[in-house]
Amino acid sequence: MGRRRKKAVHIPKKRLPKFFSCPTCGKETVIVDINREDGGRAIAQCSSCGLSEEFQIRPAQSEIDVYCMLTDQVYRTLKRTPVTVKKE
């Protein structure tokens, strides 16, 4: 009488998303397109609100790096603009 054999547990690998959330409108519609032949250019654009930025990238950078550069740039410009509050 032998022991029962345990079933192998397969853990699925996590993958990067194809769509990212937009820092201005909040919807998951940001697509990053990388063109490495054209001197390493990447375009991040939101199909919902029309936000679009072009970045110069290095060979080792991926889509998530371009998305982080987009969010950094958006939050940097939001931090610079003064907020006016209307008092009634």
PDB file of N, CA and C in Angstrom:
ATOM      1  N   MET A   1       0.835  -1.167   0.000  1.00  0.00           N
ATOM      2  CA  MET A   1       0.000   0.000   0.000  1.00  0.00           C
ATOM      3  C   MET A   1       0.889   1.242   0.000  1.00  0.00           C
ATOM      4  N   GLY A   2       0.743   1.985  -1.009  1.00  0.00           N
ATOM      5  CA  GLY A   2       1.549   3.186  -1.128  1.00  0.00           C
ATOM      6  C   GLY A   2       0.751   4.450  -0.819  1.00  0.00           C
ATOM      7  N   ARG A   3       1.467   5.511  -0.779  1.00  0.00           N
ATOM      8  CA  ARG A   3       0.841   6.802  -0.518  1.00  0.00           C
ATOM      9  C   ARG A   3       0.169   7.347  -1.759  1.00  0.00           C
ATOM     10  N   ARG A   4      -0.815   8.186  -1.544  1.00  0.00           N
ATOM     11  CA  ARG A   4      -1.459   8.822  -2.689  1.00  0.00           C
ATOM     12  C   ARG A   4      -0.565   9.929  -3.232  1.00  0.00           C
ATOM     13  N   ARG A   5      -0.559  10.040  -4.485  1.00  0.00           N
ATOM     14  CA  ARG A   5       0.263  11.044  -5.135  1.00  0.00           C
ATOM     15  C   ARG A   5      -0.437  12.399  -5.106  1.00  0.00           C
ATOM     16  N   LYS A   6       0.298  13.457  -4.774  1.00  0.00           N
ATOM     17  CA  LYS A   6      -0.289  14.795  -4.724  1.00  0.00           C
ATOM     18  C   LYS A   6      -0.361  15.372  -6.125  1.00  0.00           C
ATOM     19  N   LYS A   7      -1.426  16.140  -6.367  1.00  0.00           N
ATOM     20  CA  LYS A   7      -1.569  16.795  -7.654  1.00  0.00           C
ATOM     21  C   LYS A   7      -0.652  18.010  -7.716  1.00  0.00           C
ATOM     22  N   ALA A   8      -0.092  18.243  -8.864  1.00  0.00           N
ATOM     23  CA  ALA A   8       0.786  19.399  -9.051  1.00  0.00           C
ATOM     24  C   ALA A   8      -0.059  20.666  -9.108  1.00  0.00           C
ATOM     25  N   VAL A   9       0.322  21.661  -8.356  1.00  0.00           N
ATOM     26  CA  VAL A   9      -0.394  22.932  -8.337  1.00  0.00           C
ATOM     27  C   VAL A   9       0.330  23.894  -9.275  1.00  0.00           C
ATOM     28  N   HIS A  10      -0.373  24.343 -10.298  1.00  0.00           N
ATOM     29  CA  HIS A  10       0.200  25.276 -11.266  1.00  0.00           C
ATOM     30  C   HIS A  10      -0.215  26.693 -10.890  1.00  0.00           C
ATOM     31  N   ILE A  11       0.772  27.554 -10.688  1.00  0.00           N
ATOM     32  CA  ILE A  11       0.522  28.948 -10.357  1.00  0.00           C
ATOM     33  C   ILE A  11       0.648  29.754 -11.643  1.00  0.00           C
ATOM     34  N   PRO A  12      -0.420  30.451 -12.053  1.00  0.00           N
ATOM     35  CA  PRO A  12      -0.340  31.230 -13.292  1.00  0.00           C
ATOM     36  C   PRO A  12       0.583  32.435 -13.121  1.00  0.00           C
ATOM     37  N   LYS A  13       1.353  32.720 -14.169  1.00  0.00           N
ATOM     38  CA  LYS A  13       2.266  33.857 -14.142  1.00  0.00           C
ATOM     39  C   LYS A  13       1.478  35.147 -14.366  1.00  0.00           C
ATOM     40  N   LYS A  14       1.853  36.186 -13.630  1.00  0.00           N
ATOM     41  CA  LYS A  14       1.193  37.475 -13.790  1.00  0.00           C
ATOM     42  C   LYS A  14       1.776  38.179 -15.004  1.00  0.00           C
ATOM     43  N   ARG A  15       0.892  38.770 -15.784  1.00  0.00           N
ATOM     44  CA  ARG A  15       1.309  39.478 -16.992  1.00  0.00           C
ATOM     45  C   ARG A  15       0.967  40.953 -16.855  1.00  0.00           C
ATOM     46  N   LEU A  16       1.687  41.782 -17.600  1.00  0.00           N
ATOM     47  CA  LEU A  16       1.399  43.208 -17.601  1.00  0.00           C
ATOM     48  C   LEU A  16       0.105  43.463 -18.357  1.00  0.00           C
ATOM     49  N   PRO A  17      -0.679  44.450 -17.936  1.00  0.00           N
ATOM     50  CA  PRO A  17      -1.929  44.741 -18.631  1.00  0.00           C
ATOM     51  C   PRO A  17      -1.683  45.403 -19.979  1.00  0.00           C
ATOM     52  N   LYS A  18      -2.641  45.268 -20.879  1.00  0.00           N
ATOM     53  CA  LYS A  18      -2.543  45.925 -22.182  1.00  0.00           C
ATOM     54  C   LYS A  18      -3.092  47.354 -22.101  1.00  0.00           C
ATOM     55  N   PHE A  19      -4.052  47.581 -21.213  1.00  0.00           N
ATOM     56  CA  PHE A  19      -4.653  48.897 -21.027  1.00  0.00           C
ATOM     57  C   PHE A  19      -4.359  49.373 -19.609  1.00  0.00           C
ATOM     58  N   PHE A  20      -4.017  50.650 -19.489  1.00  0.00           N
ATOM     59  CA  PHE A  20      -3.712  51.243 -18.201  1.00  0.00           C
ATOM     60  C   PHE A  20      -4.769  52.285 -17.878  1.00  0.00           C
ATOM     61  N   SER A  21      -4.880  52.652 -16.613  1.00  0.00           N
ATOM     62  CA  SER A  21      -5.867  53.656 -16.221  1.00  0.00           C
ATOM     63  C   SER A  21      -5.324  55.056 -16.508  1.00  0.00           C
ATOM     64  N   CYS A  22      -6.196  55.911 -16.986  1.00  0.00           N
ATOM     65  CA  CYS A  22      -5.812  57.268 -17.362  1.00  0.00           C
ATOM     66  C   CYS A  22      -5.716  58.131 -16.111  1.00  0.00           C
ATOM     67  N   PRO A  23      -4.634  58.928 -15.972  1.00  0.00           N
ATOM     68  CA  PRO A  23      -4.511  59.784 -14.795  1.00  0.00           C
ATOM     69  C   PRO A  23      -5.454  60.981 -14.800  1.00  0.00           C
ATOM     70  N   THR A  24      -6.048  61.339 -15.938  1.00  0.00           N
ATOM     71  CA  THR A  24      -6.943  62.488 -15.971  1.00  0.00           C
ATOM     72  C   THR A  24      -8.414  62.092 -15.886  1.00  0.00           C
ATOM     73  N   CYS A  25      -8.837  61.071 -16.641  1.00  0.00           N
ATOM     74  CA  CYS A  25     -10.258  60.712 -16.626  1.00  0.00           C
ATOM     75  C   CYS A  25     -10.563  59.487 -15.772  1.00  0.00           C
ATOM     76  N   GLY A  26      -9.564  58.671 -15.438  1.00  0.00           N
ATOM     77  CA  GLY A  26      -9.766  57.535 -14.545  1.00  0.00           C
ATOM     78  C   GLY A  26     -10.208  56.248 -15.211  1.00  0.00           C
ATOM     79  N   LYS A  27     -10.448  56.253 -16.502  1.00  0.00           N
ATOM     80  CA  LYS A  27     -10.878  55.037 -17.203  1.00  0.00           C
ATOM     81  C   LYS A  27      -9.668  54.234 -17.650  1.00  0.00           C
ATOM     82  N   GLU A  28      -9.834  52.937 -17.826  1.00  0.00           N
ATOM     83  CA  GLU A  28      -8.720  52.078 -18.257  1.00  0.00           C
ATOM     84  C   GLU A  28      -8.666  52.035 -19.783  1.00  0.00           C
ATOM     85  N   THR A  29      -8.197  53.131 -20.375  1.00  0.00           N
ATOM     86  CA  THR A  29      -8.171  53.243 -21.828  1.00  0.00           C
ATOM     87  C   THR A  29      -6.845  53.741 -22.372  1.00  0.00           C
ATOM     88  N   VAL A  30      -5.798  53.756 -21.569  1.00  0.00           N
ATOM     89  CA  VAL A  30      -4.489  54.238 -22.037  1.00  0.00           C
ATOM     90  C   VAL A  30      -3.746  53.091 -22.707  1.00  0.00           C
ATOM     91  N   ILE A  31      -3.348  53.316 -23.951  1.00  0.00           N
ATOM     92  CA  ILE A  31      -2.595  52.332 -24.738  1.00  0.00           C
ATOM     93  C   ILE A  31      -1.204  52.903 -24.979  1.00  0.00           C
ATOM     94  N   VAL A  32      -0.189  52.063 -24.816  1.00  0.00           N
ATOM     95  CA  VAL A  32       1.193  52.486 -25.041  1.00  0.00           C
ATOM     96  C   VAL A  32       1.710  51.773 -26.286  1.00  0.00           C
ATOM     97  N   ASP A  33       2.187  52.562 -27.252  1.00  0.00           N
ATOM     98  CA  ASP A  33       2.723  52.021 -28.500  1.00  0.00           C
ATOM     99  C   ASP A  33       4.205  52.375 -28.568  1.00  0.00           C
ATOM    100  N   ILE A  34       5.059  51.350 -28.654  1.00  0.00           N
ATOM    101  CA  ILE A  34       6.509  51.559 -28.690  1.00  0.00           C
ATOM    102  C   ILE A  34       7.028  51.260 -30.086  1.00  0.00           C
ATOM    103  N   ASN A  35       7.808  52.196 -30.640  1.00  0.00           N
ATOM    104  CA  ASN A  35       8.435  52.029 -31.936  1.00  0.00           C
ATOM    105  C   ASN A  35       9.947  52.110 -31.730  1.00  0.00           C
ATOM    106  N   ARG A  36      10.598  50.976 -31.676  1.00  0.00           N
ATOM    107  CA  ARG A  36      12.037  50.943 -31.391  1.00  0.00           C
ATOM    108  C   ARG A  36      12.882  51.261 -32.627  1.00  0.00           C
ATOM    109  N   GLU A  37      12.349  51.086 -33.824  1.00  0.00           N
ATOM    110  CA  GLU A  37      13.121  51.362 -35.034  1.00  0.00           C
ATOM    111  C   GLU A  37      13.280  52.856 -35.274  1.00  0.00           C
ATOM    112  N   ASP A  38      12.342  53.648 -34.808  1.00  0.00           N
ATOM    113  CA  ASP A  38      12.335  55.091 -35.055  1.00  0.00           C
ATOM    114  C   ASP A  38      13.067  55.836 -33.939  1.00  0.00           C
ATOM    115  N   GLY A  39      14.231  55.351 -33.550  1.00  0.00           N
ATOM    116  CA  GLY A  39      15.032  56.029 -32.547  1.00  0.00           C
ATOM    117  C   GLY A  39      14.527  55.844 -31.133  1.00  0.00           C
ATOM    118  N   GLY A  40      13.691  54.865 -30.885  1.00  0.00           N
ATOM    119  CA  GLY A  40      13.186  54.601 -29.552  1.00  0.00           C
ATOM    120  C   GLY A  40      12.134  55.594 -29.104  1.00  0.00           C
ATOM    121  N   ARG A  41      11.048  55.680 -29.822  1.00  0.00           N
ATOM    122  CA  ARG A  41       9.951  56.578 -29.463  1.00  0.00           C
ATOM    123  C   ARG A  41       8.765  55.757 -28.983  1.00  0.00           C
ATOM    124  N   ALA A  42       8.055  56.302 -28.013  1.00  0.00           N
ATOM    125  CA  ALA A  42       6.865  55.655 -27.494  1.00  0.00           C
ATOM    126  C   ALA A  42       5.746  56.683 -27.385  1.00  0.00           C
ATOM    127  N   ILE A  43       4.523  56.256 -27.718  1.00  0.00           N
ATOM    128  CA  ILE A  43       3.358  57.127 -27.642  1.00  0.00           C
ATOM    129  C   ILE A  43       2.374  56.496 -26.664  1.00  0.00           C
ATOM    130  N   ALA A  44       1.969  57.276 -25.676  1.00  0.00           N
ATOM    131  CA  ALA A  44       0.940  56.854 -24.726  1.00  0.00           C
ATOM    132  C   ALA A  44      -0.276  57.726 -24.967  1.00  0.00           C
ATOM    133  N   GLN A  45      -1.429  57.090 -25.246  1.00  0.00           N
ATOM    134  CA  GLN A  45      -2.613  57.880 -25.540  1.00  0.00           C
ATOM    135  C   GLN A  45      -3.851  57.254 -24.919  1.00  0.00           C
ATOM    136  N   CYS A  46      -4.745  58.122 -24.485  1.00  0.00           N
ATOM    137  CA  CYS A  46      -6.015  57.700 -23.902  1.00  0.00           C
ATOM    138  C   CYS A  46      -7.081  57.831 -24.975  1.00  0.00           C
ATOM    139  N   SER A  47      -7.827  56.776 -25.210  1.00  0.00           N
ATOM    140  CA  SER A  47      -8.859  56.819 -26.240  1.00  0.00           C
ATOM    141  C   SER A  47     -10.145  57.447 -25.726  1.00  0.00           C
ATOM    142  N   SER A  48     -10.243  57.686 -24.438  1.00  0.00           N
ATOM    143  CA  SER A  48     -11.446  58.272 -23.869  1.00  0.00           C
ATOM    144  C   SER A  48     -11.390  59.797 -23.848  1.00  0.00           C
ATOM    145  N   CYS A  49     -10.352  60.355 -23.226  1.00  0.00           N
ATOM    146  CA  CYS A  49     -10.281  61.817 -23.069  1.00  0.00           C
ATOM    147  C   CYS A  49      -9.366  62.486 -24.087  1.00  0.00           C
ATOM    148  N   GLY A  50      -8.577  61.714 -24.843  1.00  0.00           N
ATOM    149  CA  GLY A  50      -7.725  62.290 -25.874  1.00  0.00           C
ATOM    150  C   GLY A  50      -6.345  62.693 -25.408  1.00  0.00           C
ATOM    151  N   LEU A  51      -5.969  62.350 -24.197  1.00  0.00           N
ATOM    152  CA  LEU A  51      -4.622  62.644 -23.694  1.00  0.00           C
ATOM    153  C   LEU A  51      -3.608  61.857 -24.510  1.00  0.00           C
ATOM    154  N   SER A  52      -2.572  62.538 -25.002  1.00  0.00           N
ATOM    155  CA  SER A  52      -1.563  61.877 -25.814  1.00  0.00           C
ATOM    156  C   SER A  52      -0.210  62.524 -25.561  1.00  0.00           C
ATOM    157  N   GLU A  53       0.786  61.704 -25.297  1.00  0.00           N
ATOM    158  CA  GLU A  53       2.150  62.181 -25.067  1.00  0.00           C
ATOM    159  C   GLU A  53       3.123  61.271 -25.802  1.00  0.00           C
ATOM    160  N   GLU A  54       4.224  61.867 -26.267  1.00  0.00           N
ATOM    161  CA  GLU A  54       5.274  61.113 -26.940  1.00  0.00           C
ATOM    162  C   GLU A  54       6.546  61.211 -26.108  1.00  0.00           C
ATOM    163  N   PHE A  55       7.231  60.074 -25.943  1.00  0.00           N
ATOM    164  CA  PHE A  55       8.421  60.015 -25.104  1.00  0.00           C
ATOM    165  C   PHE A  55       9.573  59.377 -25.855  1.00  0.00           C
ATOM    166  N   GLN A  56      10.768  59.801 -25.513  1.00  0.00           N
ATOM    167  CA  GLN A  56      12.002  59.182 -25.997  1.00  0.00           C
ATOM    168  C   GLN A  56      12.371  58.109 -24.978  1.00  0.00           C
ATOM    169  N   ILE A  57      12.596  56.860 -25.421  1.00  0.00           N
ATOM    170  CA  ILE A  57      12.869  55.781 -24.480  1.00  0.00           C
ATOM    171  C   ILE A  57      14.205  55.125 -24.780  1.00  0.00           C
ATOM    172  N   ARG A  58      14.686  54.379 -23.796  1.00  0.00           N
ATOM    173  CA  ARG A  58      15.905  53.582 -23.937  1.00  0.00           C
ATOM    174  C   ARG A  58      15.514  52.174 -24.350  1.00  0.00           C
ATOM    175  N   PRO A  59      16.458  51.375 -24.849  1.00  0.00           N
ATOM    176  CA  PRO A  59      16.115  50.022 -25.318  1.00  0.00           C
ATOM    177  C   PRO A  59      15.560  49.096 -24.238  1.00  0.00           C
ATOM    178  N   ALA A  60      15.935  49.289 -22.987  1.00  0.00           N
ATOM    179  CA  ALA A  60      15.494  48.372 -21.937  1.00  0.00           C
ATOM    180  C   ALA A  60      14.130  48.737 -21.357  1.00  0.00           C
ATOM    181  N   GLN A  61      13.554  49.876 -21.725  1.00  0.00           N
ATOM    182  CA  GLN A  61      12.282  50.296 -21.145  1.00  0.00           C
ATOM    183  C   GLN A  61      11.108  49.611 -21.835  1.00  0.00           C
ATOM    184  N   SER A  62      10.047  49.364 -21.051  1.00  0.00           N
ATOM    185  CA  SER A  62       8.867  48.674 -21.575  1.00  0.00           C
ATOM    186  C   SER A  62       7.634  49.575 -21.448  1.00  0.00           C
ATOM    187  N   GLU A  63       6.451  48.991 -21.678  1.00  0.00           N
ATOM    188  CA  GLU A  63       5.211  49.752 -21.666  1.00  0.00           C
ATOM    189  C   GLU A  63       4.920  50.357 -20.293  1.00  0.00           C
ATOM    190  N   ILE A  64       5.207  49.608 -19.236  1.00  0.00           N
ATOM    191  CA  ILE A  64       4.924  50.106 -17.894  1.00  0.00           C
ATOM    192  C   ILE A  64       5.804  51.305 -17.551  1.00  0.00           C
ATOM    193  N   ASP A  65       7.024  51.339 -18.071  1.00  0.00           N
ATOM    194  CA  ASP A  65       7.910  52.485 -17.841  1.00  0.00           C
ATOM    195  C   ASP A  65       7.375  53.740 -18.539  1.00  0.00           C
ATOM    196  N   VAL A  66       6.841  53.568 -19.734  1.00  0.00           N
ATOM    197  CA  VAL A  66       6.279  54.698 -20.479  1.00  0.00           C
ATOM    198  C   VAL A  66       5.029  55.202 -19.768  1.00  0.00           C
ATOM    199  N   TYR A  67       4.209  54.291 -19.249  1.00  0.00           N
ATOM    200  CA  TYR A  67       3.016  54.692 -18.506  1.00  0.00           C
ATOM    201  C   TYR A  67       3.401  55.472 -17.245  1.00  0.00           C
ATOM    202  N   CYS A  68       4.449  55.056 -16.563  1.00  0.00           N
ATOM    203  CA  CYS A  68       4.918  55.778 -15.369  1.00  0.00           C
ATOM    204  C   CYS A  68       5.426  57.165 -15.733  1.00  0.00           C
ATOM    205  N   MET A  69       6.101  57.292 -16.883  1.00  0.00           N
ATOM    206  CA  MET A  69       6.551  58.611 -17.331  1.00  0.00           C
ATOM    207  C   MET A  69       5.354  59.502 -17.643  1.00  0.00           C
ATOM    208  N   LEU A  70       4.285  58.921 -18.205  1.00  0.00           N
ATOM    209  CA  LEU A  70       3.068  59.685 -18.509  1.00  0.00           C
ATOM    210  C   LEU A  70       2.423  60.195 -17.225  1.00  0.00           C
ATOM    211  N   THR A  71       2.274  59.333 -16.234  1.00  0.00           N
ATOM    212  CA  THR A  71       1.643  59.765 -14.983  1.00  0.00           C
ATOM    213  C   THR A  71       2.496  60.807 -14.266  1.00  0.00           C
ATOM    214  N   ASP A  72       3.817  60.642 -14.306  1.00  0.00           N
ATOM    215  CA  ASP A  72       4.697  61.642 -13.697  1.00  0.00           C
ATOM    216  C   ASP A  72       4.532  63.002 -14.351  1.00  0.00           C
ATOM    217  N   GLN A  73       4.446  63.018 -15.669  1.00  0.00           N
ATOM    218  CA  GLN A  73       4.312  64.285 -16.384  1.00  0.00           C
ATOM    219  C   GLN A  73       2.953  64.928 -16.109  1.00  0.00           C
ATOM    220  N   VAL A  74       1.895  64.131 -16.067  1.00  0.00           N
ATOM    221  CA  VAL A  74       0.557  64.682 -15.815  1.00  0.00           C
ATOM    222  C   VAL A  74       0.477  65.259 -14.406  1.00  0.00           C
ATOM    223  N   TYR A  75       0.970  64.513 -13.418  1.00  0.00           N
ATOM    224  CA  TYR A  75       0.903  65.004 -12.044  1.00  0.00           C
ATOM    225  C   TYR A  75       1.843  66.182 -11.816  1.00  0.00           C
ATOM    226  N   ARG A  76       2.938  66.253 -12.561  1.00  0.00           N
ATOM    227  CA  ARG A  76       3.845  67.393 -12.459  1.00  0.00           C
ATOM    228  C   ARG A  76       3.156  68.659 -12.963  1.00  0.00           C
ATOM    229  N   THR A  77       2.411  68.570 -14.065  1.00  0.00           N
ATOM    230  CA  THR A  77       1.721  69.739 -14.599  1.00  0.00           C
ATOM    231  C   THR A  77       0.531  70.110 -13.718  1.00  0.00           C
ATOM    232  N   LEU A  78      -0.127  69.134 -13.094  1.00  0.00           N
ATOM    233  CA  LEU A  78      -1.238  69.442 -12.191  1.00  0.00           C
ATOM    234  C   LEU A  78      -0.741  70.131 -10.932  1.00  0.00           C
ATOM    235  N   LYS A  79       0.450  69.802 -10.492  1.00  0.00           N
ATOM    236  CA  LYS A  79       1.007  70.398  -9.291  1.00  0.00           C
ATOM    237  C   LYS A  79       1.383  71.855  -9.523  1.00  0.00           C
ATOM    238  N   ARG A  80       1.775  72.190 -10.741  1.00  0.00           N
ATOM    239  CA  ARG A  80       2.198  73.558 -11.060  1.00  0.00           C
ATOM    240  C   ARG A  80       1.025  74.516 -11.227  1.00  0.00           C
ATOM    241  N   THR A  81      -0.123  74.024 -11.696  1.00  0.00           N
ATOM    242  CA  THR A  81      -1.250  74.914 -11.942  1.00  0.00           C
ATOM    243  C   THR A  81      -1.922  75.260 -10.622  1.00  0.00           C
ATOM    244  N   PRO A  82      -2.123  76.542 -10.361  1.00  0.00           N
ATOM    245  CA  PRO A  82      -2.773  76.923  -9.108  1.00  0.00           C
ATOM    246  C   PRO A  82      -4.265  76.614  -9.160  1.00  0.00           C
ATOM    247  N   VAL A  83      -4.792  76.220  -8.051  1.00  0.00           N
ATOM    248  CA  VAL A  83      -6.214  75.910  -7.936  1.00  0.00           C
ATOM    249  C   VAL A  83      -6.922  77.120  -7.336  1.00  0.00           C
ATOM    250  N   THR A  84      -7.942  77.598  -8.023  1.00  0.00           N
ATOM    251  CA  THR A  84      -8.691  78.732  -7.515  1.00  0.00           C
ATOM    252  C   THR A  84     -10.010  78.236  -6.946  1.00  0.00           C
ATOM    253  N   VAL A  85     -10.340  78.717  -5.784  1.00  0.00           N
ATOM    254  CA  VAL A  85     -11.581  78.341  -5.127  1.00  0.00           C
ATOM    255  C   VAL A  85     -12.493  79.553  -5.107  1.00  0.00           C
ATOM    256  N   LYS A  86     -13.702  79.365  -5.629  1.00  0.00           N
ATOM    257  CA  LYS A  86     -14.666  80.458  -5.646  1.00  0.00           C
ATOM    258  C   LYS A  86     -15.437  80.473  -4.326  1.00  0.00           C
ATOM    259  N   LYS A  87     -15.451  81.628  -3.684  1.00  0.00           N
ATOM    260  CA  LYS A  87     -16.207  81.774  -2.450  1.00  0.00           C
ATOM    261  C   LYS A  87     -17.536  82.437  -2.770  1.00  0.00           C
ATOM    262  N   GLU A  88     -18.586  81.876  -2.241  1.00  0.00           N
ATOM    263  CA  GLU A  88     -19.910  82.430  -2.519  1.00  0.00           C
ATOM    264  C   GLU A  88     -20.457  83.173  -1.343  1.00  0.00           C
TER     265      GLU A  88
END
